[in-house]
Amino acid sequence: MTSRYDRAITVFSPDGHLFQVEYAQEAVKKGTCAVAVRGADCIVLAVEKKAVAKLQEERTVRKIVQLDKHIVMAFAGLSADARVLISRARVECQSHQLTVEDPVTVEYITRYLAQIKQQYTQSNGRRPFGVSCLLAGFDKDSDTPRLYQTDPAGNYFEWKADAIGRSAKTVHEFLEKAYQDDLVADRVGTIKLAVKALFEVVQSGSKNMDVAVIAKDKKLEMLTTDEISKYVSEIEKEREEEAQRKKRGR
């Protein structure tokens, strides 16, 4: 039955499925994991970093990109699809600035990308974008961090913390248990929670992840390997101390 309905993107199956959209969501699940945590005054994005070929230029493999001075995006899924969306989003940000003389809000550019994705789910001769996006930033007239997520179907939602890509469900479960307002009250706590969440699916080590911090009226900060290593060491030390406390409690 499935094979009759998975060839045309505009045809629903009898039980209400659009199989091509669901296949695009499966492509996202095969992508590297990306985590975002919204703190009191910043947002931290942490992404799994795959090993690159020995002769490949590492700077050309990026999962965290800047759309505008105040908006950053991380993605999971097909990098080529993401590149198209990044280009269109950057053009829209500049066009909006020239037309309205105000920078876009985070929700506006999220809705813009979601609308593009949705259009590709109901047009012949196209296929859905096999990419999910995490968009983080600050609006012009607000000090409150904003974090949104879009999926291949064109849905978008605002989150306190979210994960996309490989084993996103596992990371979600960790964040639901670990996220507390007092833990993300400052920059350090927000970074540590994001790194801990990524550790649920990534082997320990600063070389296996990229971490970015965006704060109000500040440039995007990409943490160095040494800085990430410092947080990794602190987290591992806390885990060891917790394990020892549990042993003594038995």
Protein backbone atom coordinates (compact mmCIF):
# COMPACT_ATOMS: atom_id res chain seq x y z
CA MET A 1 0.00 0.00 0.00
CA THR A 2 2.78 2.44 0.96
CA SER A 3 4.50 2.24 -2.45
CA ARG A 4 1.42 3.68 -4.15
CA TYR A 5 1.62 6.92 -2.22
CA ASP A 6 5.31 7.60 -1.60
CA ARG A 7 6.15 8.67 -5.16
CA ALA A 8 4.03 11.82 -5.41
CA ILE A 9 4.58 14.46 -2.76
CA THR A 10 1.12 15.99 -3.19
CA VAL A 11 -0.84 12.77 -2.60
CA PHE A 12 -2.01 11.76 0.86
CA SER A 13 -2.15 8.10 1.80
CA PRO A 14 -5.56 6.83 3.01
CA ASP A 15 -4.43 7.09 6.65
CA GLY A 16 -3.36 10.74 6.23
CA HIS A 17 0.40 10.45 5.67
CA LEU A 18 2.62 12.39 3.30
CA PHE A 19 5.38 9.84 2.96
CA GLN A 20 7.90 12.12 1.23
CA VAL A 21 7.71 14.54 4.16
CA GLU A 22 8.20 11.68 6.59
CA TYR A 23 11.20 10.48 4.57
CA ALA A 24 12.67 14.00 4.82
CA GLN A 25 12.27 13.81 8.59
CA GLU A 26 14.16 10.51 8.54
CA ALA A 27 16.98 12.28 6.67
CA VAL A 28 17.15 14.78 9.54
CA LYS A 29 17.47 11.94 12.05
CA LYS A 30 20.52 10.68 10.18
CA GLY A 31 22.23 14.06 10.48
CA THR A 32 24.63 15.08 13.24
CA CYS A 33 23.06 16.12 16.52
CA ALA A 34 22.54 19.80 17.36
CA VAL A 35 21.47 21.16 20.76
CA ALA A 36 20.30 24.62 21.78
CA VAL A 37 19.72 25.90 25.32
CA ARG A 38 18.17 29.26 26.14
CA GLY A 39 19.67 30.94 29.18
CA ALA A 40 18.68 34.07 31.07
CA ASP A 41 20.80 36.37 28.92
CA CYS A 42 22.27 34.18 26.17
CA ILE A 43 21.67 31.15 23.99
CA VAL A 44 24.14 28.32 23.54
CA LEU A 45 24.29 26.14 20.43
CA ALA A 46 26.29 22.91 20.55
CA VAL A 47 26.67 20.62 17.56
CA GLU A 48 28.25 17.26 16.98
CA LYS A 49 31.31 17.53 14.78
CA LYS A 50 32.16 14.71 12.43
CA ALA A 51 35.73 13.81 11.67
CA VAL A 52 36.88 15.37 8.41
CA ALA A 53 39.23 13.87 5.85
CA LYS A 54 42.91 14.51 6.48
CA LEU A 55 43.26 16.79 3.44
CA GLN A 56 39.88 18.51 3.79
CA GLU A 57 39.71 22.13 4.91
CA GLU A 58 37.88 22.00 8.26
CA ARG A 59 36.48 25.53 8.05
CA THR A 60 34.27 24.51 5.11
CA VAL A 61 32.32 22.08 7.32
CA ARG A 62 30.10 24.22 9.54
CA LYS A 63 26.80 23.37 11.23
CA ILE A 64 26.48 26.75 12.98
CA VAL A 65 26.04 29.78 10.75
CA GLN A 66 25.15 33.44 11.21
CA LEU A 67 22.09 34.75 9.35
CA ASP A 68 22.31 38.32 10.65
CA LYS A 69 24.21 40.18 13.36
CA HIS A 70 21.65 39.10 15.95
CA ILE A 71 20.48 35.69 14.63
CA VAL A 72 22.32 32.36 14.45
CA MET A 73 21.22 29.04 12.99
CA ALA A 74 22.28 25.45 13.59
CA PHE A 75 20.96 22.63 11.43
CA ALA A 76 20.77 18.85 11.11
CA GLY A 77 20.20 16.93 7.89
CA LEU A 78 21.34 17.52 4.32
CA SER A 79 23.99 20.25 4.22
CA ALA A 80 23.25 21.14 0.58
CA ASP A 81 19.58 21.76 1.43
CA ALA A 82 20.61 23.85 4.43
CA ARG A 83 22.90 25.96 2.22
CA VAL A 84 19.93 26.98 0.05
CA LEU A 85 17.87 27.97 3.08
CA ILE A 86 20.78 29.88 4.63
CA SER A 87 21.28 31.88 1.45
CA ARG A 88 17.59 32.76 1.16
CA ALA A 89 17.35 33.67 4.84
CA ARG A 90 20.36 35.99 4.63
CA VAL A 91 18.89 37.76 1.61
CA GLU A 92 15.56 38.17 3.40
CA CYS A 93 17.30 39.62 6.48
CA GLN A 94 19.05 42.26 4.37
CA SER A 95 15.96 42.97 2.27
CA HIS A 96 13.87 43.49 5.41
CA GLN A 97 16.51 45.86 6.83
CA LEU A 98 16.55 47.95 3.65
CA THR A 99 12.76 48.03 3.30
CA VAL A 100 11.60 48.49 6.88
CA GLU A 101 14.83 49.98 8.31
CA ASP A 102 14.63 47.56 11.22
CA PRO A 103 16.29 44.16 11.66
CA VAL A 104 14.10 41.09 11.41
CA THR A 105 12.80 39.45 14.55
CA VAL A 106 13.80 35.86 15.27
CA GLU A 107 10.21 34.70 14.83
CA TYR A 108 9.88 36.52 11.50
CA ILE A 109 12.86 34.79 9.88
CA THR A 110 11.82 31.46 11.42
CA ARG A 111 8.35 31.83 9.94
CA TYR A 112 9.89 32.81 6.59
CA LEU A 113 11.97 29.61 6.47
CA ALA A 114 9.03 27.50 7.66
CA GLN A 115 6.89 28.94 4.86
CA ILE A 116 9.51 28.00 2.26
CA LYS A 117 9.66 24.47 3.63
CA GLN A 118 5.87 24.17 3.65
CA GLN A 119 5.63 25.28 0.01
CA TYR A 120 7.96 22.44 -0.95
CA THR A 121 5.55 19.91 0.56
CA GLN A 122 2.65 20.65 -1.80
CA SER A 123 4.19 21.42 -5.19
CA ASN A 124 4.81 18.96 -8.01
CA GLY A 125 8.34 18.60 -9.31
CA ARG A 126 9.89 19.40 -5.93
CA ARG A 127 10.85 17.49 -2.83
CA PRO A 128 10.85 18.60 0.83
CA PHE A 129 13.98 20.06 2.39
CA GLY A 130 15.70 17.31 4.35
CA VAL A 131 16.82 19.63 7.12
CA SER A 132 15.64 20.88 10.52
CA CYS A 133 16.87 24.20 11.88
CA LEU A 134 17.44 25.77 15.29
CA LEU A 135 17.27 29.57 15.14
CA ALA A 136 18.49 31.63 18.08
CA GLY A 137 18.89 35.33 18.70
CA PHE A 138 17.54 38.54 20.16
CA ASP A 139 14.90 40.96 18.92
CA LYS A 140 15.79 44.65 18.64
CA ASP A 141 13.55 45.90 21.45
CA SER A 142 13.92 42.99 23.85
CA ASP A 143 16.63 41.52 26.07
CA THR A 144 14.88 38.14 26.16
CA PRO A 145 16.64 35.37 24.20
CA ARG A 146 14.56 33.64 21.51
CA LEU A 147 14.93 30.05 20.35
CA TYR A 148 12.88 28.46 17.56
CA GLN A 149 12.94 25.18 15.67
CA THR A 150 11.61 24.32 12.21
CA ASP A 151 11.14 20.88 10.63
CA PRO A 152 10.83 19.63 7.02
CA ALA A 153 7.03 19.84 7.14
CA GLY A 154 7.14 23.61 7.69
CA ASN A 155 6.17 23.57 11.37
CA TYR A 156 7.89 25.92 13.78
CA PHE A 157 7.82 26.24 17.58
CA GLU A 158 9.56 28.24 20.28
CA TRP A 159 11.59 26.30 22.87
CA LYS A 160 13.53 26.75 26.10
CA ALA A 161 15.86 23.95 25.02
CA ASP A 162 15.74 21.67 22.00
CA ALA A 163 17.68 19.08 20.01
CA ILE A 164 17.58 17.92 16.40
CA GLY A 165 19.37 15.26 14.39
CA ARG A 166 20.79 11.93 15.51
CA SER A 167 19.33 10.60 18.77
CA ALA A 168 17.41 13.85 19.34
CA LYS A 169 14.82 11.95 21.41
CA THR A 170 17.50 10.84 23.89
CA VAL A 171 18.78 14.40 24.25
CA HIS A 172 15.21 15.71 24.65
CA GLU A 173 14.62 13.30 27.53
CA PHE A 174 17.82 14.47 29.22
CA LEU A 175 16.92 18.15 28.80
CA GLU A 176 13.41 17.63 30.17
CA LYS A 177 14.92 16.19 33.35
CA ALA A 178 17.93 18.49 33.67
CA TYR A 179 16.62 21.90 32.55
CA GLN A 180 16.01 24.26 35.45
CA ASP A 181 15.84 28.04 35.41
CA ASP A 182 18.49 28.39 38.11
CA LEU A 183 20.93 26.21 36.12
CA VAL A 184 20.77 28.56 33.12
CA ALA A 185 20.79 31.79 35.11
CA ASP A 186 24.28 32.62 33.83
CA ARG A 187 26.48 31.99 30.82
CA VAL A 188 28.60 29.24 32.39
CA GLY A 189 25.61 27.20 33.53
CA THR A 190 23.95 27.46 30.12
CA ILE A 191 27.09 26.27 28.32
CA LYS A 192 27.55 23.36 30.72
CA LEU A 193 23.96 22.18 30.26
CA ALA A 194 24.28 22.30 26.45
CA VAL A 195 27.55 20.33 26.54
CA LYS A 196 26.10 17.80 28.98
CA ALA A 197 23.11 17.30 26.70
CA LEU A 198 25.34 16.70 23.68
CA PHE A 199 27.34 14.18 25.72
CA GLU A 200 24.23 11.97 25.66
CA VAL A 201 25.04 11.09 22.04
CA VAL A 202 28.62 12.27 21.48
CA GLN A 203 31.74 10.65 22.84
CA SER A 204 33.45 12.75 25.49
CA GLY A 205 36.00 15.16 24.13
CA SER A 206 36.16 18.75 22.97
CA LYS A 207 37.29 17.74 19.48
CA ASN A 208 33.91 16.15 18.75
CA MET A 209 31.80 19.29 19.12
CA ASP A 210 31.45 22.95 18.21
CA VAL A 211 29.91 25.36 20.72
CA ALA A 212 28.65 28.87 20.01
CA VAL A 213 27.28 31.54 22.35
CA ILE A 214 25.10 34.45 21.26
CA ALA A 215 24.34 37.33 23.64
CA LYS A 216 22.52 40.66 23.27
CA ASP A 217 24.46 43.26 21.22
CA LYS A 218 27.55 41.03 21.06
CA LYS A 219 29.24 39.19 18.22
CA LEU A 220 28.70 35.47 17.85
CA GLU A 221 31.30 33.73 19.99
CA MET A 222 32.63 30.37 18.85
CA LEU A 223 34.38 28.67 21.75
CA THR A 224 37.90 27.41 21.13
CA THR A 225 38.87 23.79 21.66
CA ASP A 226 40.70 24.75 24.86
CA GLU A 227 37.63 26.54 26.24
CA ILE A 228 35.40 23.56 25.45
CA SER A 229 37.97 21.24 27.06
CA LYS A 230 37.71 23.28 30.26
CA TYR A 231 33.96 22.72 30.43
CA VAL A 232 34.35 19.05 29.53
CA SER A 233 36.83 18.57 32.38
CA GLU A 234 34.47 20.25 34.87
CA ILE A 235 31.55 18.08 33.74
CA GLU A 236 33.57 14.88 33.98
CA LYS A 237 34.79 15.88 37.45
CA GLU A 238 31.18 16.50 38.57
CA ARG A 239 30.16 13.09 37.20
CA GLU A 240 32.94 11.36 39.12
CA GLU A 241 31.98 13.15 42.36
CA GLU A 242 28.32 12.20 41.86
CA ALA A 243 29.27 8.57 41.23
CA GLN A 244 31.32 8.51 44.44
CA ARG A 245 28.43 10.00 46.43
CA LYS A 246 26.10 7.30 45.12
CA LYS A 247 28.60 4.60 46.15
CA ARG A 248 28.88 6.02 49.66
CA GLY A 249 25.10 6.21 49.88
CA ARG A 250 24.68 2.46 49.34
